[in-house]
């Protein structure tokens, strides 16, 4: 994979830290999917797969640094550490006192209620939790910063997410090819896209050839490939601009 990954691009207004770039397949090299989007106004944790809470600490963040958690869908490799996060908010040292927002697609409130049935101790004790389901929606997060969502072709609740501030960043979540995704990502400064396999085309996911078709039409300025199955570890091809292959710990600044 030499030449296809980066370690840091610094000195920007919006920063994306890749906490995990893998999938549900256990790997010593990649945690399951998660990104941290940091802006002067606040921070958004996008997906929270297994061990992401520990990874936040490894990279120098605390749970108090997170203002919003956004779930692109409810598969465990994207949500397994949500209960861990919320439990630690109640029983960590110190307990969380800052308000927290949980965003996601269709059925988010039901998903949360069922999670609380399994883990009653994750219900907020010392802070306020706002839960907002978003399907095809736009919401103002902070002054000058909006989040927009559109349904994707993976699960019923699957969404792609666009953050617009001084720059525009789109996260696909897990998805198959979608004309909505092409429109949604058009002209983005950064597209963070799942690209599960280099060659194999699995239903509900992208491979490199399909992603290249999306990028050819949408023309984002930069594309970061994530949600990478182990087949990528033996990839010997060359990725040309605007593509980069993500690694855990990669930081992109815009």
C-alpha atoms as a PDB file:
ATOM      1  CA  UNK A   1       0.000   0.000   0.000  1.00  0.00           C
ATOM      2  CA  UNK A   2       3.058   2.252  -0.194  1.00  0.00           C
ATOM      3  CA  UNK A   3       2.256   5.588  -1.750  1.00  0.00           C
ATOM      4  CA  UNK A   4      -1.508   5.220  -1.290  1.00  0.00           C
ATOM      5  CA  UNK A   5      -1.872   6.370   2.319  1.00  0.00           C
ATOM      6  CA  UNK A   6      -1.012   9.506   4.284  1.00  0.00           C
ATOM      7  CA  UNK A   7      -0.337  10.258   7.929  1.00  0.00           C
ATOM      8  CA  UNK A   8      -1.323  13.909   8.399  1.00  0.00           C
ATOM      9  CA  UNK A   9      -2.382  17.018   6.532  1.00  0.00           C
ATOM     10  CA  UNK A  10      -2.351  19.887   8.954  1.00  0.00           C
ATOM     11  CA  UNK A  11      -3.326  23.510   9.612  1.00  0.00           C
ATOM     12  CA  UNK A  12      -6.979  23.540   8.541  1.00  0.00           C
ATOM     13  CA  UNK A  13     -10.319  24.782   9.783  1.00  0.00           C
ATOM     14  CA  UNK A  14     -12.080  21.401   9.795  1.00  0.00           C
ATOM     15  CA  UNK A  15     -10.178  18.285  10.843  1.00  0.00           C
ATOM     16  CA  UNK A  16     -11.094  14.643  10.264  1.00  0.00           C
ATOM     17  CA  UNK A  17      -9.300  12.040  12.374  1.00  0.00           C
ATOM     18  CA  UNK A  18      -9.766   8.437  11.282  1.00  0.00           C
ATOM     19  CA  UNK A  19     -10.178   6.466  14.505  1.00  0.00           C
ATOM     20  CA  UNK A  20     -10.990   3.241  12.688  1.00  0.00           C
ATOM     21  CA  UNK A  21     -10.872   2.353   8.996  1.00  0.00           C
ATOM     22  CA  UNK A  22     -11.831  -1.313   9.060  1.00  0.00           C
ATOM     23  CA  UNK A  23     -14.984  -3.401   9.116  1.00  0.00           C
ATOM     24  CA  UNK A  24     -16.589  -6.101  11.229  1.00  0.00           C
ATOM     25  CA  UNK A  25     -13.692  -8.446  10.427  1.00  0.00           C
ATOM     26  CA  UNK A  26     -11.271  -8.399  13.408  1.00  0.00           C
ATOM     27  CA  UNK A  27      -7.927  -6.839  12.510  1.00  0.00           C
ATOM     28  CA  UNK A  28      -4.774  -5.848  14.380  1.00  0.00           C
ATOM     29  CA  UNK A  29      -4.244  -3.043  11.858  1.00  0.00           C
ATOM     30  CA  UNK A  30      -7.675  -1.429  11.636  1.00  0.00           C
ATOM     31  CA  UNK A  31     -10.442  -0.780  14.140  1.00  0.00           C
ATOM     32  CA  UNK A  32     -14.013  -0.793  12.905  1.00  0.00           C
ATOM     33  CA  UNK A  33     -15.338   2.349  11.299  1.00  0.00           C
ATOM     34  CA  UNK A  34     -15.218   5.667  13.128  1.00  0.00           C
ATOM     35  CA  UNK A  35     -14.186   9.249  12.350  1.00  0.00           C
ATOM     36  CA  UNK A  36     -13.880  12.328  14.528  1.00  0.00           C
ATOM     37  CA  UNK A  37     -14.777  15.616  12.859  1.00  0.00           C
ATOM     38  CA  UNK A  38     -13.409  18.599  14.811  1.00  0.00           C
ATOM     39  CA  UNK A  39     -14.296  22.238  14.239  1.00  0.00           C
ATOM     40  CA  UNK A  40     -13.866  25.336  16.405  1.00  0.00           C
ATOM     41  CA  UNK A  41     -17.584  25.113  17.265  1.00  0.00           C
ATOM     42  CA  UNK A  42     -17.504  21.488  18.427  1.00  0.00           C
ATOM     43  CA  UNK A  43     -16.748  17.848  17.613  1.00  0.00           C
ATOM     44  CA  UNK A  44     -18.789  15.111  15.941  1.00  0.00           C
ATOM     45  CA  UNK A  45     -18.074  11.393  16.365  1.00  0.00           C
ATOM     46  CA  UNK A  46     -19.225   9.626  13.217  1.00  0.00           C
ATOM     47  CA  UNK A  47     -19.952   5.984  14.019  1.00  0.00           C
ATOM     48  CA  UNK A  48     -18.634   4.324  17.129  1.00  0.00           C
ATOM     49  CA  UNK A  49     -17.520   0.768  16.401  1.00  0.00           C
ATOM     50  CA  UNK A  50     -15.788  -1.625  18.812  1.00  0.00           C
ATOM     51  CA  UNK A  51     -12.939  -0.119  20.918  1.00  0.00           C
ATOM     52  CA  UNK A  52     -13.481   3.412  19.614  1.00  0.00           C
ATOM     53  CA  UNK A  53     -13.780   4.802  23.152  1.00  0.00           C
ATOM     54  CA  UNK A  54     -10.287   3.529  23.929  1.00  0.00           C
ATOM     55  CA  UNK A  55      -9.017   4.871  20.591  1.00  0.00           C
ATOM     56  CA  UNK A  56     -10.276   8.351  21.492  1.00  0.00           C
ATOM     57  CA  UNK A  57      -8.124   8.235  24.620  1.00  0.00           C
ATOM     58  CA  UNK A  58      -5.123   6.952  22.677  1.00  0.00           C
ATOM     59  CA  UNK A  59      -5.342  10.000  20.410  1.00  0.00           C
ATOM     60  CA  UNK A  60      -5.608  12.418  23.337  1.00  0.00           C
ATOM     61  CA  UNK A  61      -9.376  13.004  23.398  1.00  0.00           C
ATOM     62  CA  UNK A  62     -11.881  12.510  26.207  1.00  0.00           C
ATOM     63  CA  UNK A  63     -15.593  11.748  26.098  1.00  0.00           C
ATOM     64  CA  UNK A  64     -16.259  15.333  27.179  1.00  0.00           C
ATOM     65  CA  UNK A  65     -14.698  16.502  23.900  1.00  0.00           C
ATOM     66  CA  UNK A  66     -17.567  14.959  21.930  1.00  0.00           C
ATOM     67  CA  UNK A  67     -20.640  17.123  21.334  1.00  0.00           C
ATOM     68  CA  UNK A  68     -22.484  14.939  18.816  1.00  0.00           C
ATOM     69  CA  UNK A  69     -22.524  11.227  17.960  1.00  0.00           C
ATOM     70  CA  UNK A  70     -23.816  10.400  14.496  1.00  0.00           C
ATOM     71  CA  UNK A  71     -24.645   6.839  13.417  1.00  0.00           C
ATOM     72  CA  UNK A  72     -24.706   6.172   9.674  1.00  0.00           C
ATOM     73  CA  UNK A  73     -26.535   2.879  10.377  1.00  0.00           C
ATOM     74  CA  UNK A  74     -26.977   0.354  13.167  1.00  0.00           C
ATOM     75  CA  UNK A  75     -24.642  -2.532  12.262  1.00  0.00           C
ATOM     76  CA  UNK A  76     -22.430  -3.439  15.264  1.00  0.00           C
ATOM     77  CA  UNK A  77     -19.168  -2.472  13.543  1.00  0.00           C
ATOM     78  CA  UNK A  78     -20.574   1.078  13.513  1.00  0.00           C
ATOM     79  CA  UNK A  79     -22.396   1.143  16.871  1.00  0.00           C
ATOM     80  CA  UNK A  80     -20.927  -1.428  19.291  1.00  0.00           C
ATOM     81  CA  UNK A  81     -19.126   1.120  21.484  1.00  0.00           C
ATOM     82  CA  UNK A  82     -22.130   3.432  21.803  1.00  0.00           C
ATOM     83  CA  UNK A  83     -23.188   1.643  24.995  1.00  0.00           C
ATOM     84  CA  UNK A  84     -19.604   1.843  26.272  1.00  0.00           C
ATOM     85  CA  UNK A  85     -19.519   5.590  25.570  1.00  0.00           C
ATOM     86  CA  UNK A  86     -22.836   6.299  27.298  1.00  0.00           C
ATOM     87  CA  UNK A  87     -22.034   4.058  30.267  1.00  0.00           C
ATOM     88  CA  UNK A  88     -18.730   5.881  30.759  1.00  0.00           C
ATOM     89  CA  UNK A  89     -20.539   9.235  30.599  1.00  0.00           C
ATOM     90  CA  UNK A  90     -22.483   8.157  33.701  1.00  0.00           C
ATOM     91  CA  UNK A  91     -19.734   6.461  35.668  1.00  0.00           C
ATOM     92  CA  UNK A  92     -16.458   7.975  34.472  1.00  0.00           C
ATOM     93  CA  UNK A  93     -14.322  10.367  36.466  1.00  0.00           C
ATOM     94  CA  UNK A  94     -15.698  12.975  36.286  1.00  0.00           C
ATOM     95  CA  UNK A  95     -19.255  12.217  35.211  1.00  0.00           C
ATOM     96  CA  UNK A  96     -20.376  13.918  32.027  1.00  0.00           C
ATOM     97  CA  UNK A  97     -22.263  17.183  32.509  1.00  0.00           C
ATOM     98  CA  UNK A  98     -22.184  18.623  28.963  1.00  0.00           C
ATOM     99  CA  UNK A  99     -25.234  18.098  26.763  1.00  0.00           C
ATOM    100  CA  UNK A 100     -24.900  15.390  24.114  1.00  0.00           C
ATOM    101  CA  UNK A 101     -26.711  14.937  20.780  1.00  0.00           C
ATOM    102  CA  UNK A 102     -27.299  11.564  19.097  1.00  0.00           C
ATOM    103  CA  UNK A 103     -28.109  11.690  15.364  1.00  0.00           C
ATOM    104  CA  UNK A 104     -28.976   8.851  13.017  1.00  0.00           C
ATOM    105  CA  UNK A 105     -31.348   7.560  10.395  1.00  0.00           C
ATOM    106  CA  UNK A 106     -34.819   6.079  10.471  1.00  0.00           C
ATOM    107  CA  UNK A 107     -35.621   4.216  13.690  1.00  0.00           C
ATOM    108  CA  UNK A 108     -32.943   5.860  15.832  1.00  0.00           C
ATOM    109  CA  UNK A 109     -35.197   6.399  18.860  1.00  0.00           C
ATOM    110  CA  UNK A 110     -36.372   2.769  18.761  1.00  0.00           C
ATOM    111  CA  UNK A 111     -32.767   1.584  18.454  1.00  0.00           C
ATOM    112  CA  UNK A 112     -31.812   3.638  21.507  1.00  0.00           C
ATOM    113  CA  UNK A 113     -34.778   2.410  23.554  1.00  0.00           C
ATOM    114  CA  UNK A 114     -33.891  -1.204  22.805  1.00  0.00           C
ATOM    115  CA  UNK A 115     -30.257  -0.561  23.686  1.00  0.00           C
ATOM    116  CA  UNK A 116     -31.414   0.846  27.026  1.00  0.00           C
ATOM    117  CA  UNK A 117     -33.473  -2.293  27.649  1.00  0.00           C
ATOM    118  CA  UNK A 118     -30.277  -4.319  27.317  1.00  0.00           C
ATOM    119  CA  UNK A 119     -28.176  -1.784  29.264  1.00  0.00           C
ATOM    120  CA  UNK A 120     -30.414   0.308  31.561  1.00  0.00           C
ATOM    121  CA  UNK A 121     -27.374   2.007  33.125  1.00  0.00           C
ATOM    122  CA  UNK A 122     -26.604   3.909  29.912  1.00  0.00           C
ATOM    123  CA  UNK A 123     -29.579   6.245  30.379  1.00  0.00           C
ATOM    124  CA  UNK A 124     -28.203   9.758  31.018  1.00  0.00           C
ATOM    125  CA  UNK A 125     -27.841  10.651  34.688  1.00  0.00           C
ATOM    126  CA  UNK A 126     -25.999  13.968  34.889  1.00  0.00           C
ATOM    127  CA  UNK A 127     -26.396  15.393  31.376  1.00  0.00           C
ATOM    128  CA  UNK A 128     -29.051  15.966  28.730  1.00  0.00           C
ATOM    129  CA  UNK A 129     -29.225  13.702  25.656  1.00  0.00           C
ATOM    130  CA  UNK A 130     -31.049  14.913  22.539  1.00  0.00           C
ATOM    131  CA  UNK A 131     -31.966  12.218  20.005  1.00  0.00           C
ATOM    132  CA  UNK A 132     -32.797  13.305  16.465  1.00  0.00           C
ATOM    133  CA  UNK A 133     -33.603  10.996  13.577  1.00  0.00           C
ATOM    134  CA  UNK A 134     -32.627  12.326  10.161  1.00  0.00           C
ATOM    135  CA  UNK A 135     -33.616  10.758   6.857  1.00  0.00           C
ATOM    136  CA  UNK A 136     -33.618  13.400   4.129  1.00  0.00           C
ATOM    137  CA  UNK A 137     -32.985  16.372   6.345  1.00  0.00           C
ATOM    138  CA  UNK A 138     -30.893  19.480   7.049  1.00  0.00           C
ATOM    139  CA  UNK A 139     -30.142  20.735  10.552  1.00  0.00           C
ATOM    140  CA  UNK A 140     -28.098  23.664  11.817  1.00  0.00           C
ATOM    141  CA  UNK A 141     -25.487  22.400  14.280  1.00  0.00           C
ATOM    142  CA  UNK A 142     -23.772  25.698  15.061  1.00  0.00           C
ATOM    143  CA  UNK A 143     -23.669  29.162  13.551  1.00  0.00           C
ATOM    144  CA  UNK A 144     -22.517  28.668   9.967  1.00  0.00           C
ATOM    145  CA  UNK A 145     -22.349  24.851  10.202  1.00  0.00           C
ATOM    146  CA  UNK A 146     -25.085  22.511   8.949  1.00  0.00           C
ATOM    147  CA  UNK A 147     -25.488  18.749   8.700  1.00  0.00           C
ATOM    148  CA  UNK A 148     -27.483  17.238   5.850  1.00  0.00           C
ATOM    149  CA  UNK A 149     -28.481  13.601   5.341  1.00  0.00           C
ATOM    150  CA  UNK A 150     -29.780  11.468   2.503  1.00  0.00           C
ATOM    151  CA  UNK A 151     -30.757   7.753   2.504  1.00  0.00           C
ATOM    152  CA  UNK A 152     -28.251   5.240   1.157  1.00  0.00           C
ATOM    153  CA  UNK A 153     -28.559   1.721  -0.279  1.00  0.00           C
ATOM    154  CA  UNK A 154     -27.384  -0.545   2.527  1.00  0.00           C
ATOM    155  CA  UNK A 155     -29.959  -0.848   5.297  1.00  0.00           C
ATOM    156  CA  UNK A 156     -33.308   0.856   5.813  1.00  0.00           C
ATOM    157  CA  UNK A 157     -31.791   3.384   8.217  1.00  0.00           C
ATOM    158  CA  UNK A 158     -28.557   3.980   6.277  1.00  0.00           C
ATOM    159  CA  UNK A 159     -27.654   7.590   5.573  1.00  0.00           C
ATOM    160  CA  UNK A 160     -24.860   9.578   3.989  1.00  0.00           C
ATOM    161  CA  UNK A 161     -23.932  12.757   5.830  1.00  0.00           C
ATOM    162  CA  UNK A 162     -22.756  16.169   4.612  1.00  0.00           C
ATOM    163  CA  UNK A 163     -21.215  18.797   6.866  1.00  0.00           C
ATOM    164  CA  UNK A 164     -21.123  22.306   5.434  1.00  0.00           C
ATOM    165  CA  UNK A 165     -19.123  25.099   7.036  1.00  0.00           C
ATOM    166  CA  UNK A 166     -16.220  26.906   5.459  1.00  0.00           C
ATOM    167  CA  UNK A 167     -15.635  23.594   3.670  1.00  0.00           C
ATOM    168  CA  UNK A 168     -17.914  20.699   2.691  1.00  0.00           C
ATOM    169  CA  UNK A 169     -17.229  17.140   3.855  1.00  0.00           C
ATOM    170  CA  UNK A 170     -19.336  14.116   2.895  1.00  0.00           C
ATOM    171  CA  UNK A 171     -19.311  10.723   4.627  1.00  0.00           C
ATOM    172  CA  UNK A 172     -21.001   7.943   2.661  1.00  0.00           C
ATOM    173  CA  UNK A 173     -21.478   5.410   5.438  1.00  0.00           C
ATOM    174  CA  UNK A 174     -21.958   1.911   4.032  1.00  0.00           C
ATOM    175  CA  UNK A 175     -23.690   1.982   0.653  1.00  0.00           C
ATOM    176  CA  UNK A 176     -24.050   0.586  -2.814  1.00  0.00           C
ATOM    177  CA  UNK A 177     -24.040   2.795  -5.909  1.00  0.00           C
ATOM    178  CA  UNK A 178     -26.628   5.541  -5.631  1.00  0.00           C
ATOM    179  CA  UNK A 179     -27.555   8.433  -7.877  1.00  0.00           C
ATOM    180  CA  UNK A 180     -28.433  10.313  -4.698  1.00  0.00           C
ATOM    181  CA  UNK A 181     -24.847   9.855  -3.532  1.00  0.00           C
ATOM    182  CA  UNK A 182     -23.499  11.314  -6.766  1.00  0.00           C
ATOM    183  CA  UNK A 183     -25.653  14.424  -6.341  1.00  0.00           C
ATOM    184  CA  UNK A 184     -24.930  14.616  -2.616  1.00  0.00           C
ATOM    185  CA  UNK A 185     -21.142  14.481  -3.063  1.00  0.00           C
ATOM    186  CA  UNK A 186     -20.924  16.793  -6.076  1.00  0.00           C
ATOM    187  CA  UNK A 187     -18.240  19.422  -5.557  1.00  0.00           C
ATOM    188  CA  UNK A 188     -17.400  18.372  -1.998  1.00  0.00           C
ATOM    189  CA  UNK A 189     -14.014  19.441  -0.662  1.00  0.00           C
ATOM    190  CA  UNK A 190     -13.612  15.979   0.886  1.00  0.00           C
ATOM    191  CA  UNK A 191     -15.479  12.729   0.259  1.00  0.00           C
ATOM    192  CA  UNK A 192     -14.902  10.018   2.870  1.00  0.00           C
ATOM    193  CA  UNK A 193     -16.207   6.929   1.151  1.00  0.00           C
ATOM    194  CA  UNK A 194     -16.581   3.326   2.053  1.00  0.00           C
ATOM    195  CA  UNK A 195     -14.711   1.142  -0.443  1.00  0.00           C
ATOM    196  CA  UNK A 196     -15.006  -2.300   1.052  1.00  0.00           C
ATOM    197  CA  UNK A 197     -13.012  -4.211  -1.555  1.00  0.00           C
ATOM    198  CA  UNK A 198     -10.542  -3.384  -4.323  1.00  0.00           C
ATOM    199  CA  UNK A 199     -12.170  -5.749  -6.834  1.00  0.00           C
ATOM    200  CA  UNK A 200     -14.959  -7.852  -5.315  1.00  0.00           C
ATOM    201  CA  UNK A 201     -18.415  -6.269  -5.655  1.00  0.00           C
ATOM    202  CA  UNK A 202     -20.580  -7.130  -2.640  1.00  0.00           C
ATOM    203  CA  UNK A 203     -24.230  -6.155  -2.430  1.00  0.00           C
ATOM    204  CA  UNK A 204     -24.720  -3.002  -0.382  1.00  0.00           C
ATOM    205  CA  UNK A 205     -21.073  -1.936  -0.662  1.00  0.00           C
ATOM    206  CA  UNK A 206     -18.711  -0.194  -3.071  1.00  0.00           C
ATOM    207  CA  UNK A 207     -15.576  -1.474  -4.724  1.00  0.00           C
ATOM    208  CA  UNK A 208     -12.930   0.651  -6.385  1.00  0.00           C
ATOM    209  CA  UNK A 209     -14.429   0.513  -9.876  1.00  0.00           C
ATOM    210  CA  UNK A 210     -17.873   1.643  -8.695  1.00  0.00           C
ATOM    211  CA  UNK A 211     -16.392   4.378  -6.501  1.00  0.00           C
ATOM    212  CA  UNK A 212     -14.378   5.666  -9.457  1.00  0.00           C
ATOM    213  CA  UNK A 213     -17.639   6.051 -11.433  1.00  0.00           C
ATOM    214  CA  UNK A 214     -19.161   8.059  -8.579  1.00  0.00           C
ATOM    215  CA  UNK A 215     -16.096  10.289  -8.307  1.00  0.00           C
ATOM    216  CA  UNK A 216     -15.963  10.824 -12.062  1.00  0.00           C
ATOM    217  CA  UNK A 217     -19.492  12.232 -11.942  1.00  0.00           C
ATOM    218  CA  UNK A 218     -19.408  14.038  -8.577  1.00  0.00           C
ATOM    219  CA  UNK A 219     -15.898  15.494  -8.893  1.00  0.00           C
ATOM    220  CA  UNK A 220     -15.037  15.942  -5.193  1.00  0.00           C
ATOM    221  CA  UNK A 221     -11.662  17.589  -4.619  1.00  0.00           C
ATOM    222  CA  UNK A 222     -10.301  14.792  -2.426  1.00  0.00           C
ATOM    223  CA  UNK A 223     -11.456  11.218  -1.758  1.00  0.00           C
ATOM    224  CA  UNK A 224     -10.455   9.090   1.222  1.00  0.00           C
ATOM    225  CA  UNK A 225     -11.219   5.371   1.076  1.00  0.00           C
ATOM    226  CA  UNK A 226     -12.285   3.725   4.330  1.00  0.00           C
ATOM    227  CA  UNK A 227     -14.307   0.728   5.626  1.00  0.00           C
ATOM    228  CA  UNK A 228     -11.593  -1.522   4.223  1.00  0.00           C
ATOM    229  CA  UNK A 229     -11.765  -5.316   4.311  1.00  0.00           C
ATOM    230  CA  UNK A 230      -8.536  -7.356   4.692  1.00  0.00           C
ATOM    231  CA  UNK A 231      -8.308  -7.781   0.903  1.00  0.00           C
ATOM    232  CA  UNK A 232      -6.924  -4.244   0.803  1.00  0.00           C
ATOM    233  CA  UNK A 233      -3.817  -5.355   2.721  1.00  0.00           C
ATOM    234  CA  UNK A 234      -2.583  -7.214  -0.376  1.00  0.00           C
ATOM    235  CA  UNK A 235      -3.611  -4.523  -2.856  1.00  0.00           C
ATOM    236  CA  UNK A 236      -0.704  -3.773  -5.177  1.00  0.00           C
ATOM    237  CA  UNK A 237      -2.330  -1.260  -7.466  1.00  0.00           C
ATOM    238  CA  UNK A 238      -1.696   2.472  -7.517  1.00  0.00           C
ATOM    239  CA  UNK A 239      -4.260   5.046  -6.432  1.00  0.00           C
ATOM    240  CA  UNK A 240      -3.970   8.354  -8.238  1.00  0.00           C
ATOM    241  CA  UNK A 241      -5.271  11.752  -7.127  1.00  0.00           C
ATOM    242  CA  UNK A 242      -7.813  12.526  -5.793  1.00  0.00           C
ATOM    243  CA  UNK A 243      -7.795   9.129  -4.024  1.00  0.00           C
ATOM    244  CA  UNK A 244      -6.046   8.265  -0.758  1.00  0.00           C
ATOM    245  CA  UNK A 245      -6.302   5.036   1.211  1.00  0.00           C
ATOM    246  CA  UNK A 246      -7.092   5.717   4.871  1.00  0.00           C
ATOM    247  CA  UNK A 247      -5.139   4.303   7.793  1.00  0.00           C
ATOM    248  CA  UNK A 248      -6.095   4.396  11.456  1.00  0.00           C
ATOM    249  CA  UNK A 249      -4.784   7.673  12.853  1.00  0.00           C
ATOM    250  CA  UNK A 250      -4.827   9.567   9.559  1.00  0.00           C
ATOM    251  CA  UNK A 251      -5.738  13.230  10.038  1.00  0.00           C
ATOM    252  CA  UNK A 252      -7.020  15.427   7.225  1.00  0.00           C
ATOM    253  CA  UNK A 253      -7.303  19.180   7.705  1.00  0.00           C
ATOM    254  CA  UNK A 254      -9.271  21.512   5.464  1.00  0.00           C
END
